[in-house]
Amino acid sequence: MEETLPRALPRDVPTYHERQAAHFRALASTATTAAVKERLLDEAEEHEKIAREQTIRELTRSATGLLRTVADLPIVKPVPE
């Protein structure tokens, strides 16, 4: 009998590390020993941590770029009535 593993398809999870985490979790769900399951879940957690850190870096970079753009806008003085 051939066992089919659940799959984490690229369209389901957007980044490499999120896909890897999903893949390790899928493998862990069918692990036959506690040691293997624990190791796979540890790997999944490590990839999730990396994915979170990347997201934070990307958001910080985007926010920094936005702040620079706003800082470069000319200051417009109100026209007196």
Protein backbone atom coordinates (compact mmCIF):
# COMPACT_ATOMS: atom_id res chain seq x y z
CA MET A 1 0.00 0.00 0.00
CA GLU A 2 1.26 3.44 -0.89
CA GLU A 3 0.51 6.18 1.59
CA THR A 4 -0.25 9.65 0.25
CA LEU A 5 1.17 12.55 2.22
CA PRO A 6 -0.76 15.79 2.55
CA ARG A 7 0.84 18.44 0.37
CA ALA A 8 1.54 22.11 0.91
CA LEU A 9 1.35 23.53 -2.59
CA PRO A 10 3.19 26.74 -3.48
CA ARG A 11 -0.10 28.51 -4.16
CA ASP A 12 -1.26 27.67 -0.62
CA VAL A 13 1.70 29.28 1.14
CA PRO A 14 3.51 32.19 -0.47
CA THR A 15 7.12 32.13 0.74
CA TYR A 16 9.83 29.49 0.68
CA HIS A 17 10.09 29.22 4.46
CA GLU A 18 6.32 29.10 4.91
CA ARG A 19 6.17 26.30 2.31
CA GLN A 20 8.98 24.43 4.07
CA ALA A 21 7.21 24.78 7.43
CA ALA A 22 3.98 23.46 5.94
CA HIS A 23 5.88 20.58 4.33
CA PHE A 24 7.57 19.59 7.60
CA ARG A 25 4.23 19.78 9.44
CA ALA A 26 2.64 17.55 6.80
CA LEU A 27 5.47 15.04 7.19
CA ALA A 28 5.18 15.20 10.99
CA SER A 29 1.48 14.36 10.77
CA THR A 30 2.41 10.94 9.39
CA ALA A 31 5.59 10.31 11.40
CA THR A 32 5.66 6.92 13.05
CA THR A 33 7.95 7.71 15.96
CA ALA A 34 7.86 10.50 18.53
CA ALA A 35 11.51 11.39 17.88
CA VAL A 36 10.98 11.85 14.14
CA LYS A 37 7.79 13.80 14.70
CA GLU A 38 9.52 16.09 17.21
CA ARG A 39 12.44 16.69 14.82
CA LEU A 40 10.08 17.55 11.94
CA LEU A 41 8.06 19.92 14.12
CA ASP A 42 11.29 21.59 15.28
CA GLU A 43 12.26 22.12 11.64
CA ALA A 44 8.80 23.55 10.91
CA GLU A 45 9.10 25.98 13.82
CA GLU A 46 12.53 27.11 12.64
CA HIS A 47 11.20 27.85 9.15
CA GLU A 48 8.21 29.68 10.63
CA LYS A 49 10.58 31.81 12.72
CA ILE A 50 12.63 32.69 9.64
CA ALA A 51 9.45 33.54 7.70
CA ARG A 52 8.29 35.87 10.50
CA GLU A 53 11.69 37.58 10.62
CA GLN A 54 11.64 38.07 6.84
CA THR A 55 8.14 39.55 7.03
CA ILE A 56 9.25 41.97 9.74
CA ARG A 57 12.28 43.02 7.67
CA GLU A 58 10.11 43.53 4.57
CA LEU A 59 7.55 45.58 6.49
CA THR A 60 10.30 47.67 8.08
CA ARG A 61 11.88 48.26 4.69
CA SER A 62 8.51 49.28 3.21
CA ALA A 63 7.73 51.59 6.12
CA THR A 64 11.17 53.18 5.89
CA GLY A 65 10.70 53.79 2.17
CA LEU A 66 7.28 55.30 2.77
CA LEU A 67 8.67 57.60 5.47
CA ARG A 68 11.44 58.74 3.12
CA THR A 69 8.85 59.44 0.43
CA VAL A 70 6.73 61.46 2.83
CA ALA A 71 9.79 63.33 4.09
CA ASP A 72 10.65 64.30 0.51
CA LEU A 73 7.23 65.85 -0.13
CA PRO A 74 7.28 69.62 -0.29
CA ILE A 75 5.74 71.48 2.57
CA VAL A 76 2.73 73.36 1.28
CA LYS A 77 1.81 76.49 3.16
CA PRO A 78 -1.89 77.31 3.35
CA VAL A 79 -2.99 80.19 1.15
CA PRO A 80 -4.34 83.06 3.27
CA GLU A 81 -7.96 83.87 2.59
